[in-house]
Structures are given as structure tokens and as C-alpha cells.
Amino acid sequence: MIRLHVTAEGQTEKAFAEKILCAHLGKFQTIVDARCVLTSKDRRAAKTHRGGLVNYQKAKKDIQNWIREDDHDECRFTTMFDLYALPKDFPGYDAAMRQADPYSRVTQLENALAEDIGDHRFIPYIQLHEFEALIFADPQQLEWEYLEHDKQIGNLIRITKQQKNPELINDGPQTAPSRRILAEIPEYHKNTAGIAVVERIGLKVLRAKCRHFASWLRRLERLDHAA
């Protein structure tokens, strides 16, 4: 069995890994666990605070600590970070942001992250452009969580007709996937409804609509004990 440790940007990504990714990868002899990225420590109270990628160096230290804690050959490590609002101290950030194509941009960032972490068991993943892009694979499924929002959900569906690739819905402060959903459904809550909707959409649709996500998932399905 492979043990896959996921460093998640926030509670939503952590829940996705624990609930959806774990169930799927279990079929591929892979056990998944996840924790949110460390943001701060209160040594006096002996507490840690996790969630929110605001500083890359803290995230790097957290990932590398986990890698040192579990140095077995059967372990793998990955991330689930958003390209949207990625910290500017992220490795390769300036050069990647000069790339016009979002896929080239995110690939360059992932390569720089892998090089900076420096462990062959580490598999970087950065979501284009954030978790809510997965919901735009089939926003109709929002109706299961938000009754009497037919018009608002219809508006979101129209966006997918204009931009059929959810991963290319951009990262503007008012036009990022989450901002578009909140503009129509202000009560949208990603930690509960977000996970429920993505689970209802299903991995088959997600990987068909979101090619960068699909590439990551394929890689996780093929993990083995080889170095």
C-alpha cells in the first residue's frame, strides 16, 4: 500500500482529499490523509494554526517537516494549492506570471515547487485557478444545495457555455470561479456545499472537463513503490 500525504491550502481542499480522493484512490492501493498547511504556531499555548496559503516559506517548511517525519519508501506527498492569490514569494512566481497560457504558468510553478522541495516522493499540484473551478464542470448540481435558485444557477451555467473549460475561468478579483458563484449565491459555503456539489458532479466529469486536474489524478492512480 502507498501512503499519500496531502498538504491542503484550506479546509475545503482537505475535505476533498479525505472524502473524495481517499475513496477513489483506495481502489488503487493508496491510503490518503491530509492536513491544512501550517500558518502559525503559538508556542506559549502549544497550539498550531492551519489553513490559508499566505506565505510560501512557511508552507515549504511544513511540507519538508512532514517529508522528514515519514521517510518511508512507500510514502508520497502532494499539495492542493490554488493558483488564485498564490503568494508572490512562491518559487518561480515572477517568471511563471509572465506566461500568457495558464497551463504553461501552472506547470512552470509546479516544476519550480518540486525543485525547491527536493524530494523524489513529492508530487506538486496547483489547481487552475481555484477549487471552485471544479464546480463549473457542472454548476447545475448546485441545485441540490440551493433550492429556489434556478435563475442564479442558470446564470452560472451560461458562463460554462461561453467558457467550456472550467480551468480557464480566470483569476480576477471579481471574476475568479468563487467570486462568480458568490455573486449569484451569496450564501454559498465552500467547506460544506462546495464539497457536496463536487462529490455529486463526480470524478468522471471532473477529469473530462478539467485536464490539469485529470493529469494530477492519473499520476496519483499510478503511484507505486518505485523511487
Protein backbone atom coordinates (compact mmCIF):
# COMPACT_ATOMS: atom_id res chain seq x y z
CA MET A 1 0.00 0.00 0.00
CA ILE A 2 1.07 3.55 -0.77
CA ARG A 3 0.51 6.29 1.80
CA LEU A 4 -0.27 9.63 0.18
CA HIS A 5 0.03 12.73 2.38
CA VAL A 6 -1.79 15.79 1.05
CA THR A 7 -0.88 19.32 2.16
CA ALA A 8 -4.07 21.29 1.52
CA GLU A 9 -4.46 25.03 1.25
CA GLY A 10 -7.63 25.08 3.36
CA GLN A 11 -10.42 23.05 4.91
CA THR A 12 -12.23 22.56 1.59
CA GLU A 13 -9.23 21.02 -0.12
CA LYS A 14 -8.55 18.91 2.97
CA ALA A 15 -12.14 17.63 2.94
CA PHE A 16 -11.87 16.87 -0.78
CA ALA A 17 -8.77 14.78 -0.19
CA GLU A 18 -10.20 12.94 2.80
CA LYS A 19 -13.64 12.26 1.37
CA ILE A 20 -13.42 12.06 -2.42
CA LEU A 21 -9.76 11.41 -3.20
CA CYS A 22 -9.41 8.86 -0.42
CA ALA A 23 -12.39 6.79 -1.59
CA HIS A 24 -11.19 6.81 -5.19
CA LEU A 25 -7.51 6.08 -4.61
CA GLY A 26 -8.33 3.26 -2.24
CA LYS A 27 -9.13 1.29 -5.41
CA PHE A 28 -5.51 1.83 -6.44
CA GLN A 29 -3.96 0.56 -3.22
CA THR A 30 -3.34 4.07 -1.92
CA ILE A 31 -4.25 5.38 1.51
CA VAL A 32 -4.84 9.14 1.66
CA ASP A 33 -4.57 11.51 4.58
CA ALA A 34 -4.48 15.31 4.56
CA ARG A 35 -3.77 18.31 6.68
CA CYS A 36 -4.05 22.02 6.07
CA VAL A 37 -0.86 23.94 5.53
CA LEU A 38 0.67 25.35 8.71
CA THR A 39 0.22 29.10 9.03
CA SER A 40 1.43 29.86 12.56
CA LYS A 41 2.48 28.38 15.89
CA ASP A 42 1.67 29.60 19.36
CA ARG A 43 4.49 28.08 21.39
CA ARG A 44 3.22 29.56 24.62
CA ALA A 45 -0.17 27.87 24.25
CA ALA A 46 1.32 24.82 22.47
CA LYS A 47 -1.08 25.32 19.57
CA THR A 48 -0.73 25.38 15.81
CA HIS A 49 -2.96 27.13 13.31
CA ARG A 50 -3.55 25.67 9.87
CA GLY A 51 -5.29 26.81 6.70
CA GLY A 52 -4.63 29.57 4.20
CA LEU A 53 -1.56 29.82 1.99
CA VAL A 54 -0.29 33.28 2.79
CA ASN A 55 3.45 32.66 2.91
CA TYR A 56 5.38 30.15 0.85
CA GLN A 57 8.32 29.74 3.22
CA LYS A 58 6.01 28.56 6.00
CA ALA A 59 4.36 26.12 3.60
CA LYS A 60 7.75 24.83 2.42
CA LYS A 61 8.90 24.21 5.98
CA ASP A 62 5.64 22.42 6.79
CA ILE A 63 5.89 20.15 3.73
CA GLN A 64 9.55 19.34 4.35
CA ASN A 65 8.88 18.59 8.02
CA TRP A 66 6.21 16.06 7.01
CA ILE A 67 8.60 14.52 4.48
CA ARG A 68 11.21 14.10 7.22
CA GLU A 69 8.66 12.69 9.66
CA ASP A 70 7.62 9.93 7.23
CA ASP A 71 10.71 8.95 5.27
CA HIS A 72 9.47 5.53 4.16
CA ASP A 73 9.74 4.45 0.51
CA GLU A 74 6.01 3.72 0.27
CA CYS A 75 5.08 7.32 1.11
CA ARG A 76 4.22 10.02 -1.39
CA PHE A 77 3.43 13.67 -0.80
CA THR A 78 1.35 16.12 -2.79
CA THR A 79 -0.24 19.55 -2.48
CA MET A 80 -3.62 21.02 -3.28
CA PHE A 81 -2.98 24.75 -3.62
CA ASP A 82 -4.88 27.36 -5.67
CA LEU A 83 -3.22 29.38 -8.40
CA TYR A 84 -5.60 32.20 -7.48
CA ALA A 85 -3.94 34.50 -4.92
CA LEU A 86 -0.80 32.35 -4.80
CA PRO A 87 1.82 34.07 -2.58
CA LYS A 88 4.32 36.15 -4.53
CA ASP A 89 7.25 34.53 -2.72
CA PHE A 90 6.35 31.19 -4.36
CA PRO A 91 9.31 29.71 -6.27
CA GLY A 92 9.40 30.76 -9.92
CA TYR A 93 6.48 33.15 -9.38
CA ASP A 94 7.66 36.14 -11.43
CA ALA A 95 8.76 34.10 -14.45
CA ALA A 96 5.59 32.00 -14.40
CA MET A 97 3.32 35.03 -14.23
CA ARG A 98 4.85 36.24 -17.49
CA GLN A 99 3.45 33.15 -19.23
CA ALA A 100 0.30 34.03 -21.16
CA ASP A 101 -1.02 30.46 -21.20
CA PRO A 102 -2.41 29.40 -17.79
CA TYR A 103 -1.35 25.79 -18.34
CA SER A 104 2.24 26.83 -19.03
CA ARG A 105 2.08 29.11 -15.99
CA VAL A 106 0.89 26.43 -13.59
CA THR A 107 3.28 23.80 -14.97
CA GLN A 108 6.21 26.15 -14.50
CA LEU A 109 5.15 26.85 -10.92
CA GLU A 110 4.74 23.15 -10.13
CA ASN A 111 8.17 22.37 -11.58
CA ALA A 112 9.74 25.14 -9.51
CA LEU A 113 7.94 23.87 -6.40
CA ALA A 114 9.15 20.30 -6.96
CA GLU A 115 12.71 21.53 -7.40
CA ASP A 116 12.53 23.67 -4.28
CA ILE A 117 11.11 20.89 -2.08
CA GLY A 118 13.70 18.50 -3.46
CA ASP A 119 12.31 15.03 -2.78
CA HIS A 120 11.52 12.42 -5.44
CA ARG A 121 8.41 11.37 -3.50
CA PHE A 122 6.85 14.82 -3.80
CA ILE A 123 4.19 15.45 -6.48
CA PRO A 124 3.22 19.13 -6.71
CA TYR A 125 -0.29 20.16 -7.67
CA ILE A 126 -1.70 23.66 -8.10
CA GLN A 127 -5.37 23.99 -9.04
CA LEU A 128 -6.29 26.17 -12.02
CA HIS A 129 -7.40 28.67 -10.79
CA GLU A 130 -9.06 27.57 -7.55
CA PHE A 131 -11.22 24.80 -6.09
CA GLU A 132 -14.48 26.32 -7.39
CA ALA A 133 -13.35 25.70 -10.99
CA LEU A 134 -14.37 22.08 -10.32
CA ILE A 135 -17.93 23.22 -9.62
CA PHE A 136 -18.05 24.86 -13.05
CA ALA A 137 -17.61 21.39 -14.55
CA ASP A 138 -21.38 21.08 -13.88
CA PRO A 139 -22.88 24.02 -11.95
CA GLN A 140 -26.35 22.51 -12.42
CA GLN A 141 -25.53 20.33 -9.41
CA LEU A 142 -25.69 23.41 -7.18
CA GLU A 143 -29.47 22.98 -7.24
CA TRP A 144 -29.13 20.12 -4.76
CA GLU A 145 -27.75 22.53 -2.18
CA TYR A 146 -29.53 25.75 -3.11
CA LEU A 147 -33.22 25.33 -3.79
CA GLU A 148 -35.14 28.13 -5.49
CA HIS A 149 -32.01 29.49 -7.14
CA ASP A 150 -32.91 28.44 -10.68
CA LYS A 151 -32.19 31.84 -12.20
CA GLN A 152 -28.87 32.24 -10.42
CA ILE A 153 -27.72 28.73 -11.30
CA GLY A 154 -28.84 29.36 -14.87
CA ASN A 155 -26.54 32.38 -14.97
CA LEU A 156 -23.63 30.19 -13.86
CA ILE A 157 -24.48 27.59 -16.49
CA ARG A 158 -24.37 30.31 -19.15
CA ILE A 159 -20.78 31.06 -18.12
CA THR A 160 -19.84 27.46 -18.91
CA LYS A 161 -21.38 27.81 -22.35
CA GLN A 162 -19.16 30.82 -23.01
CA GLN A 163 -16.09 29.18 -21.46
CA LYS A 164 -16.35 25.41 -21.78
CA ASN A 165 -13.07 24.78 -19.95
CA PRO A 166 -13.63 25.49 -16.22
CA GLU A 167 -9.89 25.69 -15.59
CA LEU A 168 -9.69 28.74 -17.84
CA ILE A 169 -12.21 30.77 -15.85
CA ASN A 170 -9.78 33.45 -14.82
CA ASP A 171 -8.33 34.68 -11.55
CA GLY A 172 -9.54 38.27 -11.42
CA PRO A 173 -10.70 39.55 -8.02
CA GLN A 174 -14.30 39.70 -9.24
CA THR A 175 -14.21 37.03 -11.94
CA ALA A 176 -12.47 34.08 -10.24
CA PRO A 177 -14.72 30.99 -10.00
CA SER A 178 -15.59 31.51 -6.33
CA ARG A 179 -16.38 35.19 -6.90
CA ARG A 180 -18.72 34.31 -9.76
CA ILE A 181 -20.58 31.80 -7.60
CA LEU A 182 -20.83 34.20 -4.65
CA ALA A 183 -22.14 36.95 -6.94
CA GLU A 184 -25.11 34.71 -7.76
CA ILE A 185 -25.42 32.77 -4.50
CA PRO A 186 -24.08 34.90 -1.61
CA GLU A 187 -24.83 32.14 0.89
CA TYR A 188 -22.54 29.69 -0.92
CA HIS A 189 -20.26 27.98 1.60
CA LYS A 190 -17.30 26.14 0.10
CA ASN A 191 -16.49 23.95 3.10
CA THR A 192 -19.92 22.30 3.06
CA ALA A 193 -21.79 22.93 -0.18
CA GLY A 194 -18.60 23.03 -2.24
CA ILE A 195 -17.59 19.50 -1.31
CA ALA A 196 -21.14 18.16 -1.63
CA VAL A 197 -21.54 19.62 -5.12
CA VAL A 198 -18.17 18.37 -6.36
CA GLU A 199 -18.94 14.92 -4.98
CA ARG A 200 -22.25 14.90 -6.86
CA ILE A 201 -20.55 16.01 -10.08
CA GLY A 202 -18.20 13.06 -9.77
CA LEU A 203 -14.61 12.41 -10.80
CA LYS A 204 -15.58 11.16 -14.26
CA VAL A 205 -16.98 14.56 -15.23
CA LEU A 206 -14.26 16.49 -13.40
CA ARG A 207 -11.45 14.75 -15.23
CA ALA A 208 -13.24 15.11 -18.58
CA LYS A 209 -13.69 18.88 -18.14
CA CYS A 210 -10.52 19.79 -16.20
CA ARG A 211 -7.41 18.47 -17.93
CA HIS A 212 -4.83 19.71 -15.39
CA PHE A 213 -6.82 18.13 -12.57
CA ALA A 214 -7.14 14.96 -14.67
CA SER A 215 -3.38 14.79 -15.23
CA TRP A 216 -2.75 15.00 -11.47
CA LEU A 217 -5.36 12.36 -10.74
CA ARG A 218 -3.86 9.98 -13.32
CA ARG A 219 -0.48 10.39 -11.71
CA LEU A 220 -1.89 9.59 -8.28
CA GLU A 221 -3.61 6.50 -9.66
CA ARG A 222 -0.25 5.19 -10.87
CA LEU A 223 1.72 5.53 -7.66
CA ASP A 224 3.84 2.54 -6.80
CA HIS A 225 6.79 1.63 -4.61
CA ALA A 226 9.34 2.59 -7.23
CA ALA A 227 11.62 5.50 -6.46
